[in-house]
Amino acid sequence: MARATDSQKHRRSARAKTPTSARLENAALYYLSRYAASEFSLRRVLENRVRRASLGDPLFACDHEAQAELRAVIENIVARHRASGILDDAVYAGMKARGARRQGRSARMIKMQLAQKGLAAEVVEQALRVAAEDMDAGQAELAAARILAKRRKWGPFGPPAATDKKRKQFAAMARAGFSLAVVKRVLSGDVEEDEESF
């Protein structure tokens, strides 16, 4: 009897793993037990299951009705977890924004990263206000830029640098999303120690 090739085994396992509502629910629970997630990320994970099954199983790929039913099941799963409080985009965005600020990321970079995760602009703005704690937006931006300069040992936090190295540090902070005024203040050492509270 001939042995099955790797591609035949893969096709068989792909057919065996055709998504059902129970499998999608289990996948959602497993994902949520391991990761903090937004509605967008959970939906993407579940839709990828359906997409991979349609790529691996030609019969399932032709069954558009079954795929539409599974997409409706996905929306139900997301809605159910949102209603239970497990999925909360505002809490997720706040957690990510606070972590990013502690790492020295600019508001512009945080907005971009959270938008890529499918979060609404107003949710991201609220998360940045929460991450700033008792500081205004300008102070929070200075504190984050100072953290980045300290971590990288730039400006007053590192050894004296030649002019070309200073330009590179300046450019790197600008690419990180900090404004010209903030970069100048931080790299010149013009920020007081008590302005940093992260």
N, C-alpha and C. Protein backbone atom coordinates (compact mmCIF):
# COMPACT_ATOMS: atom_id res chain seq x y z
N MET A 1 0.84 -1.18 0.00
CA MET A 1 0.00 0.00 0.00
C MET A 1 0.89 1.25 0.00
N ALA A 2 0.58 2.22 -0.83
CA ALA A 2 1.39 3.42 -0.97
C ALA A 2 1.18 4.33 0.23
N ARG A 3 2.26 4.99 0.63
CA ARG A 3 2.18 5.92 1.75
C ARG A 3 1.69 7.28 1.24
N ALA A 4 0.99 7.99 2.12
CA ALA A 4 0.49 9.32 1.76
C ALA A 4 1.64 10.32 1.74
N THR A 5 1.64 11.17 0.74
CA THR A 5 2.66 12.20 0.68
C THR A 5 2.31 13.32 1.65
N ASP A 6 3.26 14.21 1.87
CA ASP A 6 3.03 15.32 2.79
C ASP A 6 1.87 16.21 2.33
N SER A 7 1.79 16.44 1.03
CA SER A 7 0.71 17.31 0.53
C SER A 7 -0.65 16.64 0.72
N GLN A 8 -0.70 15.32 0.58
CA GLN A 8 -1.97 14.62 0.81
C GLN A 8 -2.36 14.67 2.28
N LYS A 9 -1.37 14.51 3.17
CA LYS A 9 -1.65 14.61 4.61
C LYS A 9 -2.17 16.00 4.94
N HIS A 10 -1.53 17.03 4.35
CA HIS A 10 -1.94 18.40 4.62
C HIS A 10 -3.37 18.64 4.14
N ARG A 11 -3.70 18.12 2.95
CA ARG A 11 -5.06 18.30 2.44
C ARG A 11 -6.08 17.62 3.33
N ARG A 12 -5.73 16.43 3.81
CA ARG A 12 -6.65 15.71 4.69
C ARG A 12 -6.85 16.45 6.00
N SER A 13 -5.74 16.98 6.58
CA SER A 13 -5.87 17.68 7.86
C SER A 13 -6.62 19.00 7.67
N ALA A 14 -6.44 19.65 6.50
CA ALA A 14 -7.17 20.89 6.25
C ALA A 14 -8.66 20.62 6.14
N ARG A 15 -9.04 19.51 5.47
CA ARG A 15 -10.45 19.18 5.36
C ARG A 15 -11.03 18.82 6.72
N ALA A 16 -10.23 18.15 7.54
CA ALA A 16 -10.71 17.74 8.85
C ALA A 16 -10.92 18.95 9.75
N LYS A 17 -10.23 20.06 9.46
CA LYS A 17 -10.32 21.23 10.32
C LYS A 17 -11.22 22.31 9.73
N THR A 18 -12.15 21.93 8.90
CA THR A 18 -13.09 22.91 8.37
C THR A 18 -13.82 23.53 9.55
N PRO A 19 -13.85 24.85 9.62
CA PRO A 19 -14.43 25.51 10.79
C PRO A 19 -15.92 25.22 10.96
N THR A 20 -16.30 25.10 12.20
CA THR A 20 -17.71 25.02 12.58
C THR A 20 -17.91 26.09 13.65
N SER A 21 -19.15 26.31 14.03
CA SER A 21 -19.39 27.33 15.05
C SER A 21 -18.71 26.94 16.37
N ALA A 22 -18.72 25.64 16.71
CA ALA A 22 -18.07 25.19 17.95
C ALA A 22 -16.56 25.38 17.87
N ARG A 23 -15.96 25.07 16.72
CA ARG A 23 -14.52 25.25 16.58
C ARG A 23 -14.13 26.72 16.64
N LEU A 24 -14.94 27.57 16.03
CA LEU A 24 -14.65 29.00 16.08
C LEU A 24 -14.78 29.52 17.51
N GLU A 25 -15.78 29.06 18.24
CA GLU A 25 -15.95 29.48 19.64
C GLU A 25 -14.76 29.03 20.48
N ASN A 26 -14.31 27.80 20.27
CA ASN A 26 -13.14 27.30 20.99
C ASN A 26 -11.89 28.09 20.64
N ALA A 27 -11.74 28.42 19.36
CA ALA A 27 -10.59 29.22 18.93
C ALA A 27 -10.62 30.60 19.58
N ALA A 28 -11.81 31.19 19.67
CA ALA A 28 -11.95 32.51 20.31
C ALA A 28 -11.58 32.44 21.79
N LEU A 29 -12.08 31.43 22.47
CA LEU A 29 -11.77 31.28 23.90
C LEU A 29 -10.28 31.06 24.12
N TYR A 30 -9.68 30.24 23.28
CA TYR A 30 -8.25 29.98 23.41
C TYR A 30 -7.46 31.27 23.17
N TYR A 31 -7.80 32.01 22.13
CA TYR A 31 -7.10 33.26 21.80
C TYR A 31 -7.25 34.27 22.94
N LEU A 32 -8.47 34.41 23.45
CA LEU A 32 -8.71 35.39 24.52
C LEU A 32 -8.06 34.97 25.84
N SER A 33 -7.87 33.67 26.03
CA SER A 33 -7.21 33.23 27.26
C SER A 33 -5.71 33.51 27.22
N ARG A 34 -5.16 33.67 26.03
CA ARG A 34 -3.72 33.89 25.89
C ARG A 34 -3.34 35.35 25.67
N TYR A 35 -4.21 36.13 25.03
CA TYR A 35 -3.83 37.47 24.62
C TYR A 35 -4.90 38.49 25.01
N ALA A 36 -4.44 39.70 25.33
CA ALA A 36 -5.36 40.83 25.41
C ALA A 36 -5.71 41.15 23.96
N ALA A 37 -6.98 41.41 23.70
CA ALA A 37 -7.38 41.55 22.30
C ALA A 37 -8.40 42.66 22.12
N SER A 38 -8.39 43.21 20.93
CA SER A 38 -9.43 44.13 20.52
C SER A 38 -10.46 43.35 19.71
N GLU A 39 -11.59 43.96 19.45
CA GLU A 39 -12.61 43.30 18.63
C GLU A 39 -12.04 42.98 17.25
N PHE A 40 -11.29 43.92 16.71
CA PHE A 40 -10.70 43.75 15.39
C PHE A 40 -9.77 42.54 15.34
N SER A 41 -8.91 42.40 16.37
CA SER A 41 -7.94 41.31 16.34
C SER A 41 -8.61 39.95 16.52
N LEU A 42 -9.63 39.87 17.36
CA LEU A 42 -10.34 38.59 17.51
C LEU A 42 -11.06 38.24 16.21
N ARG A 43 -11.71 39.22 15.61
CA ARG A 43 -12.42 38.99 14.35
C ARG A 43 -11.43 38.53 13.27
N ARG A 44 -10.26 39.16 13.23
CA ARG A 44 -9.24 38.80 12.23
C ARG A 44 -8.77 37.36 12.42
N VAL A 45 -8.54 36.95 13.66
CA VAL A 45 -8.08 35.59 13.94
C VAL A 45 -9.12 34.58 13.47
N LEU A 46 -10.38 34.83 13.78
CA LEU A 46 -11.44 33.89 13.40
C LEU A 46 -11.67 33.88 11.89
N GLU A 47 -11.61 35.04 11.26
CA GLU A 47 -11.77 35.10 9.80
C GLU A 47 -10.61 34.41 9.10
N ASN A 48 -9.43 34.47 9.69
CA ASN A 48 -8.28 33.76 9.10
C ASN A 48 -8.50 32.25 9.12
N ARG A 49 -9.17 31.77 10.15
CA ARG A 49 -9.49 30.33 10.19
C ARG A 49 -10.36 29.95 8.99
N VAL A 50 -11.38 30.76 8.73
CA VAL A 50 -12.28 30.50 7.61
C VAL A 50 -11.52 30.63 6.29
N ARG A 51 -10.70 31.65 6.17
CA ARG A 51 -9.94 31.87 4.94
C ARG A 51 -8.98 30.71 4.67
N ARG A 52 -8.25 30.28 5.71
CA ARG A 52 -7.30 29.16 5.51
C ARG A 52 -8.03 27.87 5.14
N ALA A 53 -9.21 27.66 5.74
CA ALA A 53 -9.98 26.46 5.39
C ALA A 53 -10.43 26.51 3.94
N SER A 54 -10.79 27.71 3.47
CA SER A 54 -11.23 27.81 2.07
C SER A 54 -10.07 27.63 1.11
N LEU A 55 -8.86 27.98 1.53
CA LEU A 55 -7.69 27.76 0.68
C LEU A 55 -7.29 26.30 0.66
N GLY A 56 -7.52 25.59 1.76
CA GLY A 56 -7.08 24.21 1.85
C GLY A 56 -8.10 23.19 1.39
N ASP A 57 -9.34 23.57 1.30
CA ASP A 57 -10.40 22.62 0.96
C ASP A 57 -11.23 23.19 -0.20
N PRO A 58 -11.07 22.65 -1.40
CA PRO A 58 -11.79 23.19 -2.55
C PRO A 58 -13.31 23.11 -2.40
N LEU A 59 -13.80 22.09 -1.73
CA LEU A 59 -15.25 21.98 -1.53
C LEU A 59 -15.76 23.10 -0.64
N PHE A 60 -15.02 23.38 0.42
CA PHE A 60 -15.42 24.47 1.32
C PHE A 60 -15.27 25.82 0.63
N ALA A 61 -14.25 25.95 -0.22
CA ALA A 61 -14.03 27.21 -0.93
C ALA A 61 -15.20 27.55 -1.84
N CYS A 62 -15.86 26.52 -2.40
CA CYS A 62 -17.00 26.73 -3.29
C CYS A 62 -18.31 26.95 -2.52
N ASP A 63 -18.32 26.61 -1.25
CA ASP A 63 -19.54 26.71 -0.45
C ASP A 63 -19.64 28.09 0.18
N HIS A 64 -20.07 29.07 -0.61
CA HIS A 64 -20.15 30.45 -0.15
C HIS A 64 -21.21 30.64 0.93
N GLU A 65 -22.22 29.82 0.90
CA GLU A 65 -23.28 29.91 1.91
C GLU A 65 -22.74 29.53 3.29
N ALA A 66 -21.95 28.46 3.35
CA ALA A 66 -21.37 28.03 4.62
C ALA A 66 -20.40 29.09 5.14
N GLN A 67 -19.64 29.69 4.25
CA GLN A 67 -18.70 30.74 4.66
C GLN A 67 -19.44 31.96 5.20
N ALA A 68 -20.55 32.31 4.56
CA ALA A 68 -21.35 33.45 5.03
C ALA A 68 -21.94 33.14 6.41
N GLU A 69 -22.39 31.91 6.61
CA GLU A 69 -22.92 31.52 7.92
C GLU A 69 -21.84 31.62 8.99
N LEU A 70 -20.63 31.19 8.65
CA LEU A 70 -19.54 31.25 9.62
C LEU A 70 -19.14 32.70 9.92
N ARG A 71 -19.25 33.56 8.94
CA ARG A 71 -18.95 34.98 9.19
C ARG A 71 -20.01 35.59 10.13
N ALA A 72 -21.24 35.14 9.99
CA ALA A 72 -22.29 35.58 10.92
C ALA A 72 -22.02 35.03 12.32
N VAL A 73 -21.53 33.80 12.39
CA VAL A 73 -21.17 33.20 13.69
C VAL A 73 -20.03 34.01 14.32
N ILE A 74 -19.07 34.43 13.51
CA ILE A 74 -17.95 35.23 14.02
C ILE A 74 -18.46 36.53 14.62
N GLU A 75 -19.38 37.19 13.92
CA GLU A 75 -19.93 38.44 14.45
C GLU A 75 -20.68 38.20 15.76
N ASN A 76 -21.38 37.06 15.85
CA ASN A 76 -22.06 36.70 17.10
C ASN A 76 -21.08 36.49 18.23
N ILE A 77 -19.99 35.79 17.95
CA ILE A 77 -18.96 35.52 18.96
C ILE A 77 -18.38 36.83 19.47
N VAL A 78 -18.04 37.73 18.54
CA VAL A 78 -17.46 39.03 18.92
C VAL A 78 -18.47 39.83 19.75
N ALA A 79 -19.72 39.85 19.32
CA ALA A 79 -20.75 40.59 20.05
C ALA A 79 -20.96 40.02 21.46
N ARG A 80 -20.95 38.71 21.57
CA ARG A 80 -21.15 38.06 22.87
C ARG A 80 -20.00 38.38 23.83
N HIS A 81 -18.79 38.34 23.32
CA HIS A 81 -17.64 38.65 24.18
C HIS A 81 -17.57 40.14 24.51
N ARG A 82 -18.03 40.99 23.61
CA ARG A 82 -18.10 42.42 23.89
C ARG A 82 -19.11 42.68 24.99
N ALA A 83 -20.28 42.04 24.90
CA ALA A 83 -21.33 42.22 25.90
C ALA A 83 -20.91 41.70 27.27
N SER A 84 -20.10 40.64 27.30
CA SER A 84 -19.66 40.08 28.58
C SER A 84 -18.54 40.91 29.21
N GLY A 85 -17.94 41.81 28.44
CA GLY A 85 -16.87 42.66 28.97
C GLY A 85 -15.48 42.11 28.72
N ILE A 86 -15.38 40.94 28.13
CA ILE A 86 -14.07 40.36 27.84
C ILE A 86 -13.36 41.18 26.77
N LEU A 87 -14.11 41.60 25.76
CA LEU A 87 -13.57 42.47 24.72
C LEU A 87 -13.99 43.90 25.02
N ASP A 88 -13.02 44.75 25.30
CA ASP A 88 -13.31 46.16 25.55
C ASP A 88 -12.19 46.96 24.90
N ASP A 89 -12.50 47.56 23.76
CA ASP A 89 -11.48 48.28 23.00
C ASP A 89 -10.87 49.43 23.79
N ALA A 90 -11.67 50.10 24.64
CA ALA A 90 -11.16 51.23 25.43
C ALA A 90 -10.11 50.75 26.44
N VAL A 91 -10.39 49.66 27.12
CA VAL A 91 -9.44 49.12 28.10
C VAL A 91 -8.17 48.64 27.38
N TYR A 92 -8.35 47.95 26.26
CA TYR A 92 -7.22 47.45 25.48
C TYR A 92 -6.35 48.61 25.00
N ALA A 93 -6.97 49.64 24.46
CA ALA A 93 -6.22 50.80 23.96
C ALA A 93 -5.49 51.50 25.10
N GLY A 94 -6.14 51.64 26.25
CA GLY A 94 -5.49 52.27 27.40
C GLY A 94 -4.27 51.50 27.86
N MET A 95 -4.40 50.19 27.91
CA MET A 95 -3.28 49.34 28.33
C MET A 95 -2.11 49.48 27.35
N LYS A 96 -2.40 49.42 26.06
CA LYS A 96 -1.35 49.53 25.04
C LYS A 96 -0.72 50.92 25.06
N ALA A 97 -1.52 51.97 25.23
CA ALA A 97 -0.99 53.34 25.24
C ALA A 97 -0.09 53.58 26.45
N ARG A 98 -0.50 53.10 27.63
CA ARG A 98 0.34 53.26 28.82
C ARG A 98 1.68 52.53 28.65
N GLY A 99 1.62 51.32 28.12
CA GLY A 99 2.86 50.56 27.91
C GLY A 99 3.77 51.25 26.91
N ALA A 100 3.19 51.78 25.85
CA ALA A 100 3.98 52.46 24.82
C ALA A 100 4.61 53.74 25.38
N ARG A 101 3.87 54.48 26.20
CA ARG A 101 4.42 55.70 26.82
C ARG A 101 5.59 55.35 27.74
N ARG A 102 5.45 54.27 28.49
CA ARG A 102 6.54 53.86 29.39
C ARG A 102 7.79 53.46 28.61
N GLN A 103 7.61 53.04 27.36
CA GLN A 103 8.76 52.67 26.51
C GLN A 103 9.33 53.87 25.76
N GLY A 104 8.68 55.03 25.88
CA GLY A 104 9.19 56.23 25.23
C GLY A 104 8.67 56.43 23.82
N ARG A 105 7.45 56.02 23.56
CA ARG A 105 6.87 56.21 22.23
C ARG A 105 6.07 57.51 22.17
N SER A 106 6.09 58.13 21.02
CA SER A 106 5.38 59.39 20.81
C SER A 106 3.90 59.14 20.60
N ALA A 107 3.11 60.20 20.78
CA ALA A 107 1.67 60.09 20.56
C ALA A 107 1.38 59.71 19.11
N ARG A 108 2.14 60.27 18.19
CA ARG A 108 1.94 59.96 16.77
C ARG A 108 2.16 58.48 16.50
N MET A 109 3.21 57.90 17.08
CA MET A 109 3.52 56.49 16.88
C MET A 109 2.44 55.60 17.53
N ILE A 110 2.00 56.00 18.71
CA ILE A 110 0.97 55.22 19.41
C ILE A 110 -0.33 55.24 18.61
N LYS A 111 -0.70 56.40 18.09
CA LYS A 111 -1.92 56.50 17.28
C LYS A 111 -1.83 55.59 16.06
N MET A 112 -0.68 55.59 15.41
CA MET A 112 -0.50 54.77 14.22
C MET A 112 -0.60 53.28 14.56
N GLN A 113 0.07 52.86 15.63
CA GLN A 113 0.06 51.45 16.00
C GLN A 113 -1.33 50.98 16.41
N LEU A 114 -2.05 51.81 17.16
CA LEU A 114 -3.39 51.41 17.60
C LEU A 114 -4.39 51.45 16.44
N ALA A 115 -4.19 52.35 15.50
CA ALA A 115 -5.06 52.37 14.32
C ALA A 115 -4.84 51.10 13.49
N GLN A 116 -3.61 50.61 13.43
CA GLN A 116 -3.33 49.37 12.71
C GLN A 116 -4.00 48.18 13.37
N LYS A 117 -4.27 48.30 14.66
CA LYS A 117 -4.96 47.22 15.38
C LYS A 117 -6.48 47.36 15.28
N GLY A 118 -6.94 48.31 14.46
CA GLY A 118 -8.36 48.43 14.19
C GLY A 118 -9.14 49.23 15.22
N LEU A 119 -8.48 50.05 16.02
CA LEU A 119 -9.17 50.82 17.04
C LEU A 119 -9.61 52.17 16.47
N ALA A 120 -10.77 52.62 16.89
CA ALA A 120 -11.33 53.88 16.41
C ALA A 120 -10.49 55.06 16.93
N ALA A 121 -10.48 56.15 16.18
CA ALA A 121 -9.67 57.32 16.53
C ALA A 121 -10.06 57.90 17.88
N GLU A 122 -11.37 57.96 18.18
CA GLU A 122 -11.79 58.53 19.47
C GLU A 122 -11.38 57.63 20.64
N VAL A 123 -11.35 56.33 20.43
CA VAL A 123 -10.89 55.40 21.48
C VAL A 123 -9.40 55.61 21.72
N VAL A 124 -8.64 55.81 20.66
CA VAL A 124 -7.20 56.04 20.78
C VAL A 124 -6.92 57.36 21.49
N GLU A 125 -7.65 58.40 21.15
CA GLU A 125 -7.47 59.71 21.80
C GLU A 125 -7.75 59.61 23.30
N GLN A 126 -8.81 58.91 23.66
CA GLN A 126 -9.14 58.72 25.07
C GLN A 126 -8.04 57.93 25.77
N ALA A 127 -7.50 56.93 25.11
CA ALA A 127 -6.43 56.12 25.70
C ALA A 127 -5.18 56.97 25.94
N LEU A 128 -4.88 57.89 25.03
CA LEU A 128 -3.72 58.77 25.22
C LEU A 128 -3.93 59.72 26.39
N ARG A 129 -5.18 60.18 26.57
CA ARG A 129 -5.47 61.04 27.73
C ARG A 129 -5.31 60.26 29.03
N VAL A 130 -5.76 59.01 29.02
CA VAL A 130 -5.61 58.17 30.22
C VAL A 130 -4.14 57.87 30.48
N ALA A 131 -3.38 57.61 29.44
CA ALA A 131 -1.96 57.29 29.59
C ALA A 131 -1.15 58.47 30.12
N ALA A 132 -1.61 59.68 29.83
CA ALA A 132 -0.90 60.88 30.28
C ALA A 132 -1.07 61.11 31.77
N GLU A 133 -2.04 60.43 32.39
CA GLU A 133 -2.36 60.55 33.81
C GLU A 133 -2.65 62.00 34.15
N ASP A 134 -1.85 62.64 35.00
CA ASP A 134 -2.17 64.01 35.43
C ASP A 134 -1.41 65.07 34.65
N MET A 135 -0.77 64.70 33.55
CA MET A 135 -0.02 65.65 32.73
C MET A 135 -0.86 66.07 31.52
N ASP A 136 -0.52 67.23 30.98
CA ASP A 136 -1.15 67.59 29.71
C ASP A 136 -0.40 66.87 28.58
N ALA A 137 -0.91 66.98 27.38
CA ALA A 137 -0.35 66.23 26.24
C ALA A 137 1.10 66.61 25.97
N GLY A 138 1.44 67.89 26.09
CA GLY A 138 2.81 68.33 25.85
C GLY A 138 3.80 67.77 26.86
N GLN A 139 3.40 67.77 28.14
CA GLN A 139 4.27 67.21 29.17
C GLN A 139 4.47 65.71 28.97
N ALA A 140 3.39 65.01 28.61
CA ALA A 140 3.48 63.57 28.39
C ALA A 140 4.41 63.26 27.22
N GLU A 141 4.35 64.09 26.18
CA GLU A 141 5.21 63.90 25.02
C GLU A 141 6.68 64.13 25.39
N LEU A 142 6.94 65.18 26.18
CA LEU A 142 8.31 65.45 26.64
C LEU A 142 8.84 64.30 27.49
N ALA A 143 8.01 63.80 28.39
CA ALA A 143 8.42 62.71 29.27
C ALA A 143 8.75 61.46 28.45
N ALA A 144 7.92 61.16 27.45
CA ALA A 144 8.17 59.99 26.61
C ALA A 144 9.46 60.16 25.79
N ALA A 145 9.69 61.36 25.26
CA ALA A 145 10.90 61.62 24.49
C ALA A 145 12.13 61.49 25.38
N ARG A 146 12.01 61.95 26.60
CA ARG A 146 13.11 61.85 27.56
C ARG A 146 13.42 60.38 27.87
N ILE A 147 12.37 59.58 28.02
CA ILE A 147 12.56 58.15 28.28
C ILE A 147 13.31 57.50 27.12
N LEU A 148 12.89 57.83 25.89
CA LEU A 148 13.56 57.27 24.71
C LEU A 148 15.03 57.67 24.67
N ALA A 149 15.32 58.96 24.92
CA ALA A 149 16.70 59.43 24.89
C ALA A 149 17.53 58.75 25.98
N LYS A 150 16.93 58.55 27.13
CA LYS A 150 17.64 57.88 28.24
C LYS A 150 17.93 56.43 27.89
N ARG A 151 16.94 55.74 27.33
CA ARG A 151 17.11 54.32 26.96
C ARG A 151 18.20 54.14 25.91
N ARG A 152 18.24 55.06 24.96
CA ARG A 152 19.22 54.95 23.87
C ARG A 152 20.55 55.65 24.18
N LYS A 153 20.60 56.31 25.34
CA LYS A 153 21.81 57.05 25.75
C LYS A 153 22.15 58.13 24.73
N TRP A 154 21.16 58.95 24.43
CA TRP A 154 21.31 60.06 23.50
C TRP A 154 21.36 61.38 24.24
N GLY A 155 21.89 62.38 23.59
CA GLY A 155 21.88 63.73 24.14
C GLY A 155 22.59 63.78 25.49
N PRO A 156 21.96 64.39 26.48
CA PRO A 156 22.61 64.56 27.79
C PRO A 156 22.74 63.25 28.57
N PHE A 157 22.14 62.17 28.09
CA PHE A 157 22.16 60.90 28.80
C PHE A 157 23.28 59.97 28.33
N GLY A 158 24.04 60.42 27.36
CA GLY A 158 25.12 59.59 26.83
C GLY A 158 26.42 60.36 26.78
N PRO A 159 27.43 59.75 26.21
CA PRO A 159 28.71 60.45 26.08
C PRO A 159 28.60 61.59 25.07
N PRO A 160 29.48 62.56 25.17
CA PRO A 160 29.46 63.65 24.19
C PRO A 160 29.57 63.08 22.77
N ALA A 161 28.74 63.60 21.89
CA ALA A 161 28.68 63.06 20.53
C ALA A 161 29.17 64.09 19.52
N ALA A 162 29.72 63.59 18.44
CA ALA A 162 30.14 64.44 17.33
C ALA A 162 28.90 64.98 16.62
N THR A 163 29.09 65.97 15.79
CA THR A 163 27.97 66.63 15.11
C THR A 163 27.16 65.66 14.26
N ASP A 164 27.83 64.78 13.52
CA ASP A 164 27.08 63.85 12.66
C ASP A 164 26.28 62.86 13.51
N LYS A 165 26.81 62.47 14.64
CA LYS A 165 26.07 61.56 15.54
C LYS A 165 24.86 62.27 16.14
N LYS A 166 25.02 63.54 16.47
CA LYS A 166 23.90 64.33 17.00
C LYS A 166 22.79 64.43 15.96
N ARG A 167 23.19 64.61 14.71
CA ARG A 167 22.18 64.68 13.64
C ARG A 167 21.44 63.36 13.50
N LYS A 168 22.16 62.26 13.64
CA LYS A 168 21.52 60.94 13.55
C LYS A 168 20.55 60.73 14.71
N GLN A 169 20.94 61.16 15.91
CA GLN A 169 20.06 61.05 17.06
C GLN A 169 18.80 61.89 16.85
N PHE A 170 19.00 63.09 16.35
CA PHE A 170 17.89 64.00 16.07
C PHE A 170 16.93 63.37 15.06
N ALA A 171 17.50 62.81 13.99
CA ALA A 171 16.68 62.19 12.94
C ALA A 171 15.93 60.97 13.47
N ALA A 172 16.58 60.18 14.31
CA ALA A 172 15.93 58.99 14.86
C ALA A 172 14.74 59.38 15.75
N MET A 173 14.90 60.42 16.53
CA MET A 173 13.78 60.86 17.38
C MET A 173 12.65 61.44 16.53
N ALA A 174 13.00 62.12 15.46
CA ALA A 174 11.97 62.65 14.56
C ALA A 174 11.22 61.50 13.89
N ARG A 175 11.94 60.47 13.47
CA ARG A 175 11.28 59.30 12.88
C ARG A 175 10.40 58.57 13.89
N ALA A 176 10.75 58.69 15.16
CA ALA A 176 9.95 58.06 16.21
C ALA A 176 8.66 58.85 16.45
N GLY A 177 8.50 59.98 15.78
CA GLY A 177 7.24 60.71 15.83
C GLY A 177 7.24 61.94 16.72
N PHE A 178 8.36 62.32 17.26
CA PHE A 178 8.41 63.50 18.13
C PHE A 178 8.59 64.76 17.30
N SER A 179 8.00 65.85 17.78
CA SER A 179 8.07 67.12 17.05
C SER A 179 9.47 67.72 17.17
N LEU A 180 9.76 68.67 16.30
CA LEU A 180 11.05 69.34 16.28
C LEU A 180 11.35 70.01 17.62
N ALA A 181 10.36 70.68 18.18
CA ALA A 181 10.56 71.39 19.46
C ALA A 181 10.87 70.41 20.59
N VAL A 182 10.16 69.30 20.63
CA VAL A 182 10.39 68.31 21.69
C VAL A 182 11.77 67.70 21.56
N VAL A 183 12.17 67.35 20.34
CA VAL A 183 13.48 66.75 20.12
C VAL A 183 14.59 67.71 20.52
N LYS A 184 14.46 68.98 20.14
CA LYS A 184 15.47 69.98 20.50
C LYS A 184 15.60 70.11 22.02
N ARG A 185 14.46 70.18 22.71
CA ARG A 185 14.50 70.32 24.17
C ARG A 185 15.15 69.13 24.84
N VAL A 186 14.79 67.94 24.41
CA VAL A 186 15.30 66.74 25.07
C VAL A 186 16.79 66.54 24.78
N LEU A 187 17.20 66.68 23.53
CA LEU A 187 18.60 66.43 23.19
C LEU A 187 19.53 67.53 23.70
N SER A 188 18.99 68.72 23.96
CA SER A 188 19.83 69.78 24.52
C SER A 188 19.89 69.68 26.04
N GLY A 189 19.10 68.79 26.63
CA GLY A 189 19.09 68.63 28.09
C GLY A 189 18.26 69.69 28.77
N ASP A 190 17.30 70.23 28.05
CA ASP A 190 16.50 71.35 28.54
C ASP A 190 15.23 70.90 29.28
N VAL A 191 15.12 69.64 29.62
CA VAL A 191 13.93 69.13 30.30
C VAL A 191 14.29 68.83 31.74
N GLU A 192 13.48 69.33 32.66
CA GLU A 192 13.75 69.12 34.09
C GLU A 192 13.48 67.68 34.48
N GLU A 193 14.17 67.21 35.52
CA GLU A 193 14.04 65.84 36.00
C GLU A 193 12.63 65.54 36.50
N ASP A 194 11.97 66.50 37.11
CA ASP A 194 10.64 66.24 37.68
C ASP A 194 9.54 66.22 36.63
N GLU A 195 9.86 66.57 35.37
CA GLU A 195 8.84 66.49 34.32
C GLU A 195 8.58 65.07 33.88
N GLU A 196 9.50 64.16 34.22
CA GLU A 196 9.31 62.77 33.84
C GLU A 196 8.62 62.04 34.97
N SER A 197 7.46 61.46 34.70
CA SER A 197 6.76 60.76 35.78
C SER A 197 6.33 59.37 35.38
N PHE A 198 6.80 58.86 34.26
CA PHE A 198 6.42 57.51 33.84
C PHE A 198 7.27 56.49 34.54
